[in-house]
Amino acid sequence: MSFAKQITINPITITLSLMILLVAGFGGLSVVWMRTKIAQSAKRITQIQSDHKQVNIKLQDIDAKIAEAHTPEVLKAGIPSSVRPSTQEQIIWVPDTYTIPQALPPQPALASPTPVVQTPRFAVHRD
């Protein structure tokens, strides 16, 4: 006599097995996706750091050019020969205790314009 063993598979077992395989498959794919995104971010960060270094080098070069342009020798070379020092008559000495006079009262909107008078330019020095 032979006994035939019948194996019955419960539908719940099949469903749970498929769910476990599905979750494991999606988990594996999500790990691969996350590693890909991490690699892309690392590459982008490396590129940004490289660009940042290049900008810093250019900035240092510009700062060096500005510092060189502000040296006394370069500034003196840029002064035209027609410029001369102030004469004694052009210098007005103003004491430190000098106060600015009060502002003029407001004028009407249609007041006549004041004439423009050309005056010599003076250098002002404080004691």
N, C-alpha and C. Protein backbone atom coordinates (compact mmCIF):
# COMPACT_ATOMS: atom_id res chain seq x y z
N MET A 1 0.80 -1.16 0.00
CA MET A 1 0.00 0.00 0.00
C MET A 1 0.86 1.24 0.00
N SER A 2 0.51 2.08 -0.85
CA SER A 2 1.27 3.32 -0.90
C SER A 2 0.37 4.45 -0.45
N PHE A 3 0.96 5.21 0.37
CA PHE A 3 0.23 6.39 0.86
C PHE A 3 0.69 7.62 0.06
N ALA A 4 -0.21 8.24 -0.56
CA ALA A 4 0.10 9.48 -1.29
C ALA A 4 -0.07 10.65 -0.33
N LYS A 5 1.01 11.36 -0.19
CA LYS A 5 0.92 12.53 0.69
C LYS A 5 0.41 13.71 -0.12
N GLN A 6 -0.56 14.30 0.37
CA GLN A 6 -1.09 15.50 -0.27
C GLN A 6 -0.61 16.72 0.51
N ILE A 7 -0.05 17.62 -0.23
CA ILE A 7 0.41 18.85 0.40
C ILE A 7 -0.59 19.93 0.05
N THR A 8 -1.14 20.49 1.05
CA THR A 8 -2.08 21.59 0.82
C THR A 8 -1.38 22.89 1.23
N ILE A 9 -1.45 23.82 0.34
CA ILE A 9 -0.83 25.13 0.60
C ILE A 9 -1.95 26.11 0.92
N ASN A 10 -1.79 26.69 2.05
CA ASN A 10 -2.77 27.63 2.52
C ASN A 10 -2.61 28.95 1.73
N PRO A 11 -3.68 29.59 1.28
CA PRO A 11 -3.57 30.86 0.53
C PRO A 11 -2.93 31.99 1.36
N ILE A 12 -3.12 31.94 2.68
CA ILE A 12 -2.50 32.96 3.53
C ILE A 12 -0.98 32.82 3.49
N THR A 13 -0.50 31.59 3.46
CA THR A 13 0.95 31.35 3.41
C THR A 13 1.52 31.89 2.10
N ILE A 14 0.83 31.66 1.02
CA ILE A 14 1.28 32.16 -0.29
C ILE A 14 1.29 33.69 -0.30
N THR A 15 0.24 34.27 0.22
CA THR A 15 0.14 35.74 0.25
C THR A 15 1.25 36.34 1.10
N LEU A 16 1.47 35.78 2.28
CA LEU A 16 2.52 36.31 3.14
C LEU A 16 3.91 36.14 2.51
N SER A 17 4.12 34.99 1.85
CA SER A 17 5.41 34.75 1.19
C SER A 17 5.65 35.77 0.07
N LEU A 18 4.62 36.03 -0.72
CA LEU A 18 4.74 37.02 -1.79
C LEU A 18 4.97 38.42 -1.23
N MET A 19 4.30 38.74 -0.13
CA MET A 19 4.48 40.06 0.50
C MET A 19 5.92 40.22 1.01
N ILE A 20 6.47 39.16 1.60
CA ILE A 20 7.85 39.22 2.09
C ILE A 20 8.82 39.42 0.93
N LEU A 21 8.61 38.68 -0.15
CA LEU A 21 9.46 38.84 -1.33
C LEU A 21 9.32 40.24 -1.94
N LEU A 22 8.11 40.76 -1.97
CA LEU A 22 7.86 42.10 -2.50
C LEU A 22 8.56 43.17 -1.65
N VAL A 23 8.44 43.09 -0.34
CA VAL A 23 9.08 44.05 0.55
C VAL A 23 10.59 43.95 0.44
N ALA A 24 11.12 42.73 0.37
CA ALA A 24 12.57 42.55 0.25
C ALA A 24 13.06 43.10 -1.09
N GLY A 25 12.30 42.88 -2.16
CA GLY A 25 12.68 43.40 -3.48
C GLY A 25 12.69 44.92 -3.50
N PHE A 26 11.62 45.55 -2.97
CA PHE A 26 11.57 47.01 -2.92
C PHE A 26 12.65 47.57 -1.99
N GLY A 27 12.92 46.87 -0.91
CA GLY A 27 13.99 47.31 0.00
C GLY A 27 15.35 47.30 -0.69
N GLY A 28 15.63 46.24 -1.43
CA GLY A 28 16.89 46.17 -2.18
C GLY A 28 16.98 47.26 -3.22
N LEU A 29 15.89 47.49 -3.96
CA LEU A 29 15.90 48.55 -4.97
C LEU A 29 16.06 49.93 -4.32
N SER A 30 15.44 50.13 -3.17
CA SER A 30 15.57 51.44 -2.51
C SER A 30 16.99 51.66 -2.01
N VAL A 31 17.67 50.61 -1.57
CA VAL A 31 19.07 50.74 -1.14
C VAL A 31 19.93 51.13 -2.34
N VAL A 32 19.70 50.48 -3.48
CA VAL A 32 20.46 50.82 -4.69
C VAL A 32 20.17 52.26 -5.10
N TRP A 33 18.90 52.67 -5.05
CA TRP A 33 18.52 54.04 -5.42
C TRP A 33 19.18 55.06 -4.49
N MET A 34 19.17 54.77 -3.17
CA MET A 34 19.77 55.69 -2.21
C MET A 34 21.28 55.80 -2.44
N ARG A 35 21.96 54.68 -2.72
CA ARG A 35 23.39 54.74 -2.99
C ARG A 35 23.69 55.55 -4.24
N THR A 36 22.84 55.42 -5.24
CA THR A 36 23.00 56.20 -6.47
C THR A 36 22.84 57.69 -6.17
N LYS A 37 21.84 58.05 -5.41
CA LYS A 37 21.62 59.46 -5.05
C LYS A 37 22.77 59.99 -4.20
N ILE A 38 23.29 59.19 -3.30
CA ILE A 38 24.43 59.60 -2.47
C ILE A 38 25.65 59.84 -3.36
N ALA A 39 25.89 58.97 -4.32
CA ALA A 39 27.02 59.14 -5.23
C ALA A 39 26.85 60.40 -6.08
N GLN A 40 25.62 60.68 -6.54
CA GLN A 40 25.37 61.90 -7.31
C GLN A 40 25.60 63.14 -6.45
N SER A 41 25.13 63.10 -5.22
CA SER A 41 25.32 64.24 -4.31
C SER A 41 26.80 64.46 -4.02
N ALA A 42 27.54 63.38 -3.81
CA ALA A 42 28.97 63.51 -3.54
C ALA A 42 29.69 64.10 -4.74
N LYS A 43 29.31 63.68 -5.95
CA LYS A 43 29.93 64.23 -7.16
C LYS A 43 29.61 65.71 -7.30
N ARG A 44 28.36 66.08 -7.02
CA ARG A 44 27.96 67.49 -7.12
C ARG A 44 28.68 68.33 -6.07
N ILE A 45 28.82 67.81 -4.86
CA ILE A 45 29.53 68.53 -3.80
C ILE A 45 31.00 68.73 -4.19
N THR A 46 31.63 67.70 -4.76
CA THR A 46 33.01 67.81 -5.20
C THR A 46 33.15 68.88 -6.28
N GLN A 47 32.20 68.93 -7.22
CA GLN A 47 32.24 69.94 -8.28
C GLN A 47 32.06 71.34 -7.70
N ILE A 48 31.15 71.48 -6.75
CA ILE A 48 30.92 72.80 -6.13
C ILE A 48 32.14 73.23 -5.34
N GLN A 49 32.80 72.30 -4.64
CA GLN A 49 34.02 72.65 -3.91
C GLN A 49 35.11 73.08 -4.87
N SER A 50 35.22 72.42 -6.00
CA SER A 50 36.22 72.80 -7.00
C SER A 50 35.93 74.20 -7.54
N ASP A 51 34.65 74.48 -7.84
CA ASP A 51 34.27 75.81 -8.31
C ASP A 51 34.55 76.86 -7.23
N HIS A 52 34.29 76.51 -5.98
CA HIS A 52 34.53 77.43 -4.87
C HIS A 52 36.01 77.77 -4.76
N LYS A 53 36.88 76.77 -4.93
CA LYS A 53 38.32 77.01 -4.88
C LYS A 53 38.75 77.94 -6.02
N GLN A 54 38.19 77.73 -7.22
CA GLN A 54 38.53 78.58 -8.35
C GLN A 54 38.08 80.01 -8.11
N VAL A 55 36.89 80.19 -7.54
CA VAL A 55 36.40 81.54 -7.24
C VAL A 55 37.28 82.19 -6.19
N ASN A 56 37.70 81.44 -5.17
CA ASN A 56 38.60 81.99 -4.15
C ASN A 56 39.93 82.42 -4.75
N ILE A 57 40.47 81.63 -5.68
CA ILE A 57 41.73 81.99 -6.33
C ILE A 57 41.55 83.27 -7.14
N LYS A 58 40.44 83.39 -7.88
CA LYS A 58 40.17 84.61 -8.65
C LYS A 58 39.99 85.80 -7.72
N LEU A 59 39.32 85.59 -6.60
CA LEU A 59 39.11 86.67 -5.63
C LEU A 59 40.43 87.14 -5.04
N GLN A 60 41.31 86.20 -4.71
CA GLN A 60 42.62 86.58 -4.20
C GLN A 60 43.41 87.35 -5.25
N ASP A 61 43.27 86.95 -6.51
CA ASP A 61 43.97 87.66 -7.59
C ASP A 61 43.44 89.09 -7.72
N ILE A 62 42.12 89.24 -7.64
CA ILE A 62 41.53 90.59 -7.71
C ILE A 62 41.96 91.42 -6.50
N ASP A 63 41.97 90.81 -5.31
CA ASP A 63 42.42 91.54 -4.11
C ASP A 63 43.88 91.99 -4.26
N ALA A 64 44.71 91.14 -4.84
CA ALA A 64 46.11 91.51 -5.05
C ALA A 64 46.22 92.67 -6.04
N LYS A 65 45.41 92.64 -7.10
CA LYS A 65 45.44 93.74 -8.07
C LYS A 65 44.96 95.04 -7.43
N ILE A 66 43.93 94.95 -6.59
CA ILE A 66 43.43 96.16 -5.90
C ILE A 66 44.49 96.71 -4.96
N ALA A 67 45.14 95.82 -4.21
CA ALA A 67 46.19 96.25 -3.28
C ALA A 67 47.34 96.90 -4.04
N GLU A 68 47.68 96.33 -5.18
CA GLU A 68 48.77 96.90 -5.99
C GLU A 68 48.37 98.26 -6.55
N ALA A 69 47.10 98.40 -6.95
CA ALA A 69 46.64 99.67 -7.51
C ALA A 69 46.56 100.77 -6.46
N HIS A 70 46.48 100.41 -5.18
CA HIS A 70 46.39 101.40 -4.13
C HIS A 70 47.73 101.72 -3.48
N THR A 71 48.82 101.24 -4.03
CA THR A 71 50.12 101.58 -3.47
C THR A 71 50.44 103.03 -3.79
N PRO A 72 51.20 103.69 -2.93
CA PRO A 72 51.51 105.11 -3.17
C PRO A 72 52.19 105.36 -4.50
N GLU A 73 53.06 104.47 -4.94
CA GLU A 73 53.78 104.69 -6.19
C GLU A 73 52.83 104.72 -7.38
N VAL A 74 51.87 103.79 -7.39
CA VAL A 74 50.91 103.74 -8.50
C VAL A 74 49.98 104.94 -8.44
N LEU A 75 49.55 105.31 -7.24
CA LEU A 75 48.66 106.47 -7.11
C LEU A 75 49.37 107.75 -7.53
N LYS A 76 50.65 107.90 -7.16
CA LYS A 76 51.40 109.09 -7.57
C LYS A 76 51.59 109.12 -9.08
N ALA A 77 51.78 107.97 -9.69
CA ALA A 77 51.98 107.92 -11.14
C ALA A 77 50.71 108.31 -11.88
N GLY A 78 49.55 108.14 -11.26
CA GLY A 78 48.29 108.47 -11.92
C GLY A 78 47.89 109.93 -11.82
N ILE A 79 48.62 110.73 -11.08
CA ILE A 79 48.29 112.15 -10.93
C ILE A 79 48.81 112.90 -12.15
N PRO A 80 47.96 113.68 -12.82
CA PRO A 80 48.45 114.44 -13.98
C PRO A 80 49.43 115.53 -13.55
N SER A 81 50.26 115.94 -14.49
CA SER A 81 51.30 116.93 -14.16
C SER A 81 50.70 118.32 -13.93
N SER A 82 49.47 118.56 -14.37
CA SER A 82 48.85 119.88 -14.18
C SER A 82 48.38 120.10 -12.75
N VAL A 83 48.33 119.06 -11.93
CA VAL A 83 47.89 119.20 -10.55
C VAL A 83 49.06 119.75 -9.73
N ARG A 84 48.74 120.75 -8.92
CA ARG A 84 49.78 121.35 -8.08
C ARG A 84 49.25 121.44 -6.65
N PRO A 85 50.14 121.61 -5.68
CA PRO A 85 49.68 121.74 -4.30
C PRO A 85 48.88 123.02 -4.08
N SER A 86 48.09 123.04 -3.01
CA SER A 86 47.30 124.23 -2.67
C SER A 86 48.23 125.36 -2.26
N THR A 87 47.81 126.57 -2.61
CA THR A 87 48.57 127.75 -2.15
C THR A 87 48.06 128.15 -0.78
N GLN A 88 48.82 129.00 -0.10
CA GLN A 88 48.46 129.41 1.25
C GLN A 88 47.13 130.15 1.28
N GLU A 89 46.79 130.88 0.21
CA GLU A 89 45.53 131.63 0.17
C GLU A 89 44.33 130.71 0.04
N GLN A 90 44.52 129.50 -0.42
CA GLN A 90 43.40 128.57 -0.62
C GLN A 90 43.10 127.74 0.62
N ILE A 91 43.92 127.83 1.64
CA ILE A 91 43.74 127.02 2.85
C ILE A 91 43.01 127.82 3.90
N ILE A 92 41.95 127.26 4.45
CA ILE A 92 41.19 127.88 5.53
C ILE A 92 41.30 126.97 6.73
N TRP A 93 41.77 127.52 7.84
CA TRP A 93 41.89 126.73 9.07
C TRP A 93 40.62 126.89 9.87
N VAL A 94 39.97 125.79 10.22
CA VAL A 94 38.72 125.80 10.96
C VAL A 94 38.97 125.14 12.31
N PRO A 95 38.64 125.85 13.40
CA PRO A 95 38.87 125.24 14.72
C PRO A 95 37.88 124.09 14.95
N ASP A 96 38.27 123.18 15.85
CA ASP A 96 37.42 122.04 16.15
C ASP A 96 36.12 122.45 16.84
N THR A 97 36.10 123.61 17.46
CA THR A 97 34.91 124.06 18.18
C THR A 97 33.89 124.70 17.24
N TYR A 98 34.18 124.79 15.97
CA TYR A 98 33.27 125.40 15.01
C TYR A 98 32.00 124.56 14.92
N THR A 99 30.84 125.23 14.97
CA THR A 99 29.56 124.54 14.86
C THR A 99 28.90 124.92 13.54
N ILE A 100 28.14 124.02 13.01
CA ILE A 100 27.46 124.26 11.75
C ILE A 100 26.26 125.16 12.04
N PRO A 101 26.07 126.23 11.27
CA PRO A 101 24.92 127.10 11.52
C PRO A 101 23.61 126.36 11.28
N GLN A 102 22.55 126.85 11.91
CA GLN A 102 21.24 126.22 11.78
C GLN A 102 20.77 126.30 10.33
N ALA A 103 19.97 125.34 9.95
CA ALA A 103 19.46 125.29 8.58
C ALA A 103 18.53 126.47 8.33
N LEU A 104 18.47 126.88 7.09
CA LEU A 104 17.59 127.97 6.71
C LEU A 104 16.14 127.52 6.82
N PRO A 105 15.22 128.46 7.12
CA PRO A 105 13.81 128.08 7.16
C PRO A 105 13.35 127.65 5.77
N PRO A 106 12.33 126.79 5.68
CA PRO A 106 11.87 126.32 4.37
C PRO A 106 11.38 127.48 3.52
N GLN A 107 11.72 127.43 2.24
CA GLN A 107 11.33 128.47 1.29
C GLN A 107 10.03 128.04 0.60
N PRO A 108 9.26 129.00 0.12
CA PRO A 108 8.05 128.64 -0.64
C PRO A 108 8.42 127.84 -1.89
N ALA A 109 7.48 127.03 -2.36
CA ALA A 109 7.75 126.13 -3.47
C ALA A 109 8.10 126.88 -4.75
N LEU A 110 7.52 128.07 -4.97
CA LEU A 110 7.75 128.81 -6.20
C LEU A 110 8.74 129.95 -5.99
N ALA A 111 9.68 129.78 -5.11
CA ALA A 111 10.67 130.83 -4.86
C ALA A 111 11.57 130.95 -6.08
N SER A 112 12.09 132.16 -6.26
CA SER A 112 12.97 132.38 -7.41
C SER A 112 14.28 131.64 -7.19
N PRO A 113 14.86 131.10 -8.24
CA PRO A 113 16.10 130.36 -8.09
C PRO A 113 17.24 131.28 -7.72
N THR A 114 18.16 130.77 -6.95
CA THR A 114 19.32 131.57 -6.56
C THR A 114 20.37 131.47 -7.65
N PRO A 115 21.04 132.58 -7.93
CA PRO A 115 22.06 132.55 -8.98
C PRO A 115 23.27 131.71 -8.54
N VAL A 116 23.89 131.09 -9.52
CA VAL A 116 25.07 130.28 -9.26
C VAL A 116 26.29 131.18 -9.35
N VAL A 117 27.11 131.19 -8.30
CA VAL A 117 28.30 132.02 -8.27
C VAL A 117 29.50 131.09 -8.24
N GLN A 118 30.42 131.32 -9.14
CA GLN A 118 31.64 130.52 -9.18
C GLN A 118 32.60 131.04 -8.12
N THR A 119 32.99 130.19 -7.21
CA THR A 119 33.95 130.58 -6.17
C THR A 119 35.17 129.67 -6.29
N PRO A 120 36.31 130.18 -5.89
CA PRO A 120 37.50 129.31 -5.93
C PRO A 120 37.36 128.19 -4.91
N ARG A 121 37.93 127.08 -5.23
CA ARG A 121 37.86 125.93 -4.32
C ARG A 121 38.94 126.08 -3.26
N PHE A 122 38.58 125.75 -2.01
CA PHE A 122 39.50 125.86 -0.90
C PHE A 122 39.67 124.49 -0.24
N ALA A 123 40.87 124.25 0.23
CA ALA A 123 41.12 123.06 1.04
C ALA A 123 40.89 123.43 2.50
N VAL A 124 40.12 122.63 3.23
CA VAL A 124 39.81 122.92 4.63
C VAL A 124 40.59 121.97 5.50
N HIS A 125 41.30 122.53 6.47
CA HIS A 125 42.07 121.71 7.41
C HIS A 125 41.59 122.03 8.82
N ARG A 126 41.46 121.03 9.65
CA ARG A 126 41.06 121.24 11.04
C ARG A 126 42.26 121.14 11.94
N ASP A 127 42.25 121.95 13.01
CA ASP A 127 43.33 121.90 13.99
C ASP A 127 43.20 120.70 14.87
